[in-house]
Protein backbone atom coordinates (compact mmCIF):
# COMPACT_ATOMS: atom_id res chain seq x y z
CA ALA A 1 -8.58 -17.22 9.33
CA MET A 2 -5.22 -18.06 10.46
CA ASP A 3 -6.40 -21.33 11.87
CA GLU A 4 -7.82 -22.15 8.72
CA HIS A 5 -4.57 -21.33 6.72
CA LYS A 6 -2.57 -23.17 9.37
CA ARG A 7 -4.76 -26.32 8.77
CA ALA A 8 -4.66 -26.16 5.18
CA LEU A 9 -0.82 -25.59 5.29
CA ALA A 10 -0.37 -28.88 7.32
CA ILE A 11 -2.33 -30.71 4.76
CA ARG A 12 -0.37 -29.39 1.87
CA GLU A 13 2.94 -30.09 3.65
CA GLU A 14 1.99 -33.83 3.97
CA LEU A 15 1.00 -33.71 0.19
CA TYR A 16 4.36 -32.12 -0.83
CA ALA A 17 6.20 -34.48 1.28
CA ALA A 18 4.58 -37.54 -0.30
CA ASP A 19 5.56 -36.38 -3.62
CA PRO A 20 7.87 -33.36 -3.94
CA SER A 21 7.92 -33.26 -7.73
CA ASP A 22 4.23 -32.67 -8.12
CA ILE A 23 3.77 -29.31 -9.56
CA GLN A 24 0.28 -28.73 -8.15
CA SER A 25 1.40 -29.74 -4.68
CA ARG A 26 4.26 -27.22 -4.65
CA ARG A 27 2.07 -24.58 -6.05
CA ASP A 28 -0.51 -25.22 -3.16
CA LEU A 29 2.16 -25.19 -0.76
CA ALA A 30 3.32 -21.90 -1.93
CA ILE A 31 0.04 -20.56 -1.85
CA SER A 32 -0.55 -21.55 1.68
CA TYR A 33 2.53 -19.45 2.78
CA PHE A 34 1.28 -16.81 0.54
CA GLU A 35 -2.21 -16.88 2.80
CA ILE A 36 -0.36 -17.16 6.10
CA GLY A 37 1.84 -14.22 5.20
CA GLU A 38 -1.14 -12.17 4.37
CA SER A 39 -2.61 -13.08 7.74
CA PHE A 40 0.25 -12.15 9.70
CA SER A 41 0.53 -8.80 7.87
CA HIS A 42 -3.21 -7.79 8.70
CA LEU A 43 -2.46 -8.62 12.29
CA GLU A 44 0.80 -6.26 11.90
CA ASP A 45 2.99 -9.23 12.80
CA PHE A 46 5.45 -8.58 10.08
CA THR A 47 8.04 -10.98 11.26
CA GLY A 48 5.77 -13.68 11.10
CA ALA A 49 4.63 -12.58 7.62
CA LEU A 50 8.44 -12.32 6.43
CA GLU A 51 9.07 -15.78 7.47
CA SER A 52 6.20 -17.14 5.60
CA ARG A 53 7.19 -15.21 2.35
CA LEU A 54 10.71 -16.30 2.53
CA LYS A 55 9.41 -19.95 2.41
CA MET A 56 7.03 -19.12 -0.39
CA LEU A 57 9.37 -17.60 -2.66
CA PRO A 58 11.89 -20.44 -3.34
CA ILE A 59 8.81 -22.72 -4.21
CA PHE A 60 7.54 -20.13 -6.71
CA GLU A 61 10.96 -19.34 -8.13
CA SER A 62 11.65 -23.28 -8.74
CA LEU A 63 8.23 -23.54 -10.59
CA MET A 64 9.30 -20.82 -12.89
CA ALA A 65 12.84 -22.11 -13.38
CA ALA A 66 11.04 -25.46 -14.38
CA ASP A 67 8.77 -23.75 -16.74
CA PRO A 68 10.10 -20.25 -17.85
CA SER A 69 7.40 -19.47 -20.31
CA ASN A 70 4.54 -20.09 -17.83
CA GLU A 71 3.15 -16.47 -17.14
CA ASN A 72 1.48 -17.58 -14.00
CA HIS A 73 4.64 -18.93 -12.46
CA ARG A 74 6.50 -15.74 -13.58
CA ARG A 75 3.72 -13.31 -12.16
CA ASN A 76 3.68 -15.22 -8.85
CA VAL A 77 7.55 -14.74 -8.36
CA ALA A 78 7.17 -10.94 -9.09
CA LEU A 79 4.23 -10.90 -6.79
CA SER A 80 6.57 -12.54 -4.01
CA TYR A 81 9.09 -9.97 -4.66
CA LYS A 82 6.90 -7.25 -4.13
CA LYS A 83 5.21 -8.89 -0.86
CA LEU A 84 8.86 -9.09 0.61
CA GLY A 85 9.76 -5.70 -0.52
CA GLY A 86 6.76 -4.36 1.18
CA ASN A 87 7.24 -6.44 4.21
CA LEU A 88 10.87 -5.23 4.64
CA ALA A 89 9.93 -1.68 4.29
CA ARG A 90 7.45 -2.25 7.19
CA ILE A 91 10.27 -3.20 9.38
CA GLU A 92 12.42 -0.40 7.88
CA ARG A 93 15.01 -2.56 5.96
CA PHE A 94 14.62 -0.29 3.20
CA ASP A 95 17.74 -1.32 1.33
CA GLU A 96 16.71 -4.96 1.02
CA ALA A 97 13.39 -4.00 0.24
CA LEU A 98 14.57 -2.09 -2.69
CA VAL A 99 16.34 -4.92 -3.96
CA TYR A 100 13.30 -7.04 -4.20
CA TYR A 101 11.16 -4.33 -5.80
CA GLN A 102 13.80 -3.86 -8.43
CA LYS A 103 13.69 -7.66 -9.23
CA ALA A 104 9.89 -7.09 -9.51
CA LEU A 105 10.21 -4.24 -11.63
CA GLU A 106 12.44 -5.96 -13.91
CA MET A 107 9.77 -8.76 -14.35
CA ASP A 108 6.95 -6.55 -14.72
CA GLU A 109 8.94 -4.41 -17.51
CA ALA A 110 9.66 -7.46 -19.32
CA ALA A 111 6.25 -8.86 -19.27
CA LEU A 112 4.50 -5.62 -20.22
CA SER A 113 7.19 -5.09 -22.98
CA ALA A 114 6.16 -8.54 -24.42
CA ASP A 115 2.25 -7.56 -24.42
CA PRO A 116 1.99 -3.85 -24.40
CA ALA A 117 -1.67 -3.99 -24.72
CA ASN A 118 -2.29 -6.07 -21.65
CA ALA A 119 -4.11 -3.93 -18.94
CA ARG A 120 -3.37 -6.30 -16.11
CA LYS A 121 0.32 -6.31 -16.84
CA ARG A 122 0.26 -2.56 -17.13
CA MET A 123 -1.19 -2.52 -13.64
CA ASP A 124 1.12 -4.90 -12.37
CA LEU A 125 3.87 -2.82 -13.19
CA SER A 126 2.27 0.20 -11.95
CA TYR A 127 2.32 -1.36 -8.52
CA SER A 128 5.87 -2.01 -8.70
CA VAL A 129 6.79 1.45 -9.70
CA SER A 130 4.58 3.12 -7.15
CA ASP A 131 5.86 0.78 -4.25
CA TYR A 132 9.34 1.16 -5.25
CA GLY A 133 8.72 4.99 -4.76
CA PHE A 134 7.27 4.41 -1.51
CA VAL A 135 10.30 2.59 -0.20
CA LEU A 136 12.41 5.39 -1.86
CA ALA A 137 10.40 8.07 0.08
CA HIS A 138 10.94 6.36 3.40
CA ALA A 139 14.43 5.57 2.74
CA GLY A 140 15.08 9.38 2.49
CA LYS A 141 15.17 9.79 -1.28
CA PRO A 142 12.18 11.88 -2.10
CA ASP A 143 13.48 13.11 -5.46
CA LYS A 144 13.55 9.77 -6.81
CA ALA A 145 10.35 8.77 -5.08
CA LEU A 146 8.82 11.42 -7.15
CA GLU A 147 10.27 10.20 -10.46
CA SER A 148 8.68 6.67 -9.42
CA TYR A 149 5.23 8.00 -8.47
CA ARG A 150 4.84 10.39 -11.44
CA ARG A 151 5.67 7.34 -13.71
CA ALA A 152 2.86 5.48 -11.82
CA LEU A 153 0.48 8.36 -12.05
CA GLN A 154 0.62 8.44 -15.51
CA MET A 155 0.33 4.71 -16.05
CA ARG A 156 -2.76 4.65 -13.81
CA GLU A 157 -4.36 7.70 -15.41
CA GLU A 158 -4.14 5.74 -18.84
CA LEU A 159 -5.73 2.69 -17.19
CA VAL A 160 -8.54 4.72 -15.70
CA ALA A 161 -9.31 6.61 -19.26
CA ALA A 162 -9.34 3.12 -20.83
CA ASP A 163 -11.83 1.77 -18.41
CA PRO A 164 -13.46 4.23 -16.04
CA LYS A 165 -15.44 1.69 -14.16
CA ASP A 166 -12.23 -0.15 -13.02
CA GLU A 167 -12.68 0.24 -9.30
CA ARG A 168 -8.95 -1.12 -8.78
CA ALA A 169 -7.41 1.17 -11.20
CA ARG A 170 -9.45 4.28 -9.78
CA SER A 171 -8.33 3.20 -6.12
CA SER A 172 -4.83 2.84 -7.28
CA LEU A 173 -4.99 6.28 -8.92
CA ALA A 174 -6.19 7.94 -5.81
CA THR A 175 -3.47 5.86 -3.83
CA THR A 176 -0.89 7.56 -6.37
CA TYR A 177 -2.03 10.84 -5.76
CA GLU A 178 -1.93 10.71 -2.12
CA ARG A 179 1.57 9.09 -2.26
CA LEU A 180 2.70 12.22 -4.26
CA GLY A 181 0.87 14.40 -1.81
CA TRP A 182 2.74 12.77 0.94
CA VAL A 183 6.26 13.04 -0.34
CA LEU A 184 5.65 16.70 -1.42
CA SER A 185 4.88 17.58 2.14
CA THR A 186 8.08 15.93 3.16
CA MET A 187 9.66 18.40 0.73
CA GLY A 188 7.89 21.39 2.29
CA ASN A 189 5.67 21.99 -0.66
CA LEU A 190 2.22 22.13 1.10
CA THR A 191 0.28 23.77 -1.45
CA LEU A 192 1.15 21.17 -4.10
CA SER A 193 0.81 18.37 -1.41
CA ILE A 194 -2.55 19.34 -0.48
CA ASP A 195 -3.75 19.68 -4.18
CA HIS A 196 -2.63 16.13 -4.55
CA TRP A 197 -4.38 14.85 -1.39
CA ARG A 198 -7.69 16.63 -2.39
CA LYS A 199 -7.54 14.85 -6.11
CA GLY A 200 -7.18 11.48 -4.38
CA ILE A 201 -9.91 12.37 -2.03
CA ALA A 202 -12.41 13.20 -4.89
CA ILE A 203 -11.92 9.93 -6.61
CA ARG A 204 -12.38 8.09 -3.26
CA GLU A 205 -15.53 9.98 -2.60
CA ALA A 206 -16.65 9.47 -5.94
CA MET A 207 -16.23 5.82 -5.57
CA ILE A 208 -18.17 5.86 -2.42
CA ALA A 209 -21.08 7.79 -3.68
CA ALA A 210 -21.57 5.28 -6.54
CA ASN A 211 -20.91 2.30 -4.31
CA PRO A 212 -21.63 3.14 -0.57
CA GLY A 213 -21.77 -0.49 0.33
CA ASN A 214 -17.89 -0.95 -0.25
CA VAL A 215 -16.42 -1.01 3.38
CA PRO A 216 -12.73 -0.97 2.05
CA ASN A 217 -13.30 2.16 0.03
CA ARG A 218 -14.79 4.03 3.03
CA ALA A 219 -11.75 2.80 5.16
CA ASP A 220 -9.41 3.99 2.82
CA LEU A 221 -11.12 7.57 2.62
CA GLY A 222 -11.03 7.75 6.39
CA GLY A 223 -7.22 6.85 6.05
CA SER A 224 -7.01 9.81 3.38
CA TYR A 225 -8.57 12.43 5.64
CA ALA A 226 -5.66 11.51 8.18
CA GLY A 227 -3.39 11.83 5.49
CA VAL A 228 -4.21 15.45 4.76
CA ALA A 229 -3.81 16.15 8.28
CA ASN A 230 -0.49 14.45 8.44
CA ALA A 231 0.58 16.64 5.61
CA PHE A 232 -0.33 19.93 7.48
CA ALA A 233 1.02 18.85 10.70
CA LEU A 234 4.71 17.93 9.14
CA VAL A 235 4.76 21.38 7.47
CA ALA A 236 3.68 23.03 10.73
CA GLY A 237 6.60 21.27 12.37
CA ALA A 238 9.31 21.95 9.92
CA PRO A 239 11.94 24.34 11.03
CA GLY A 240 11.67 27.99 10.22
CA THR A 241 7.81 27.79 9.88
CA PRO A 242 6.39 31.30 10.88
CA ALA A 243 4.34 31.22 14.20
CA ARG A 244 1.11 32.28 12.61
CA GLU A 245 1.42 30.02 9.71
CA ARG A 246 2.77 27.15 12.00
CA ALA A 247 -0.86 27.66 14.16
CA GLU A 248 -3.01 27.66 10.94
CA ASP A 249 -1.50 24.51 9.88
CA LEU A 250 -1.65 22.84 13.16
CA ARG A 251 -5.59 23.94 13.25
CA GLU A 252 -6.05 22.55 9.59
CA ALA A 253 -4.08 19.24 10.69
CA GLY A 254 -6.44 18.96 13.79
CA SER A 255 -9.60 19.43 11.89
CA TRP A 256 -8.61 16.76 9.13
CA TYR A 257 -7.77 14.19 12.24
CA GLN A 258 -11.18 14.85 13.92
CA ARG A 259 -13.00 14.42 10.44
CA SER A 260 -11.14 11.08 9.98
CA LEU A 261 -11.99 9.96 13.21
CA ASP A 262 -15.70 10.93 13.06
CA PHE A 263 -15.83 9.12 9.62
CA LEU A 264 -14.19 5.86 10.88
CA ALA A 265 -16.46 5.86 14.13
CA ASP A 266 -19.61 6.22 11.73
CA LEU A 267 -18.12 3.37 9.66
CA ALA A 268 -17.44 0.98 12.92
CA ARG A 269 -21.02 1.80 14.14
CA GLU A 270 -22.45 0.87 10.84
CA LYS A 271 -20.48 -2.04 9.82
CA GLY A 272 -18.80 -3.09 13.09
CA GLU A 273 -15.49 -2.37 14.82
CA LYS A 274 -13.61 -4.78 12.52
CA ALA A 275 -14.34 -2.51 9.48
CA VAL A 276 -11.65 -0.21 10.84
CA SER A 277 -8.19 -0.51 11.94
CA ALA A 278 -8.08 -0.10 15.85
CA SER A 279 -4.42 0.55 15.70
CA PHE A 280 -4.90 3.31 12.97
CA VAL A 281 -7.57 4.97 15.00
CA LYS A 282 -5.36 5.03 18.12
CA GLU A 283 -2.40 6.55 15.94
CA THR A 284 -4.83 9.05 14.53
CA LYS A 285 -6.09 10.15 18.17
CA ALA A 286 -2.56 10.36 19.45
CA SER A 287 -1.70 12.79 16.16
CA LEU A 288 -4.67 14.87 17.11
CA ALA A 289 -3.81 15.10 20.85
CA ARG A 290 -0.31 16.29 19.53
CA CYS A 291 -1.78 18.95 17.42
CA GLU A 292 -3.89 20.24 19.94
CA GLU A 293 -0.96 20.32 22.57
CA ASP A 294 1.24 21.81 20.09
CA LEU A 295 -1.23 24.64 19.63
CA LYS A 296 -1.34 25.54 23.33
CA LYS A 297 2.61 26.15 23.12
CA LYS A 298 3.65 29.68 22.60
């Protein structure tokens, strides 16, 4: 896919050079940078992804500046801000990431305010709100992250209630429950954390039961099982956790890590190795090994 995107980029750069004022050529060039950025992200090359997205953004911004009322241009700029924010978060440049997400939030808020009944615009805003919370959580601001996640949760519950068959909305709702679960575990609230994780998992399991052939949904569920494990492991490792509770939490964590690995192994056997993330499996195996080693310690 990367080679195809690079070939397309070379063609579009030539077309743009021949007529820099042509709107379609500029848009196509920005899309090529977008696609290459996505490919780099899938390869977990976040430096390469950042480089492509920084080239993409000014093109989309120039298109919006030339035609401010064009909703597609405005949406592309907001999406570019989110992609850059997410990219910067992955390389732990959280302050910069928050700046881009704040810009995306402002644009998505304005878009929904102008058209409150538009479900797509509500979903766009929910992504900005949720991802903003994600960066806040990783930047060490869990209280503010909770506020964002709870706002995203309300929006996504409304979207699912309006269209229960919307798989994107349901998957996004599951993600919000899980993100709430994660940040609650960092704050030491294991009971509430696991409650949220289980709600997210229930949604994913129901989606898979209705559509077993959806490979990304199945991969997400395998990740969710590991997420529960992470919550137990995090609380087990917290200072002051009594030895008996620590051991129980570590056993629970190990059980969920193994469940994740078994589930993803079955998926890989059925759909091929590319159906699962090799790096995620490696990381989960390492987490399981740490749990087992910690359980041996007195």
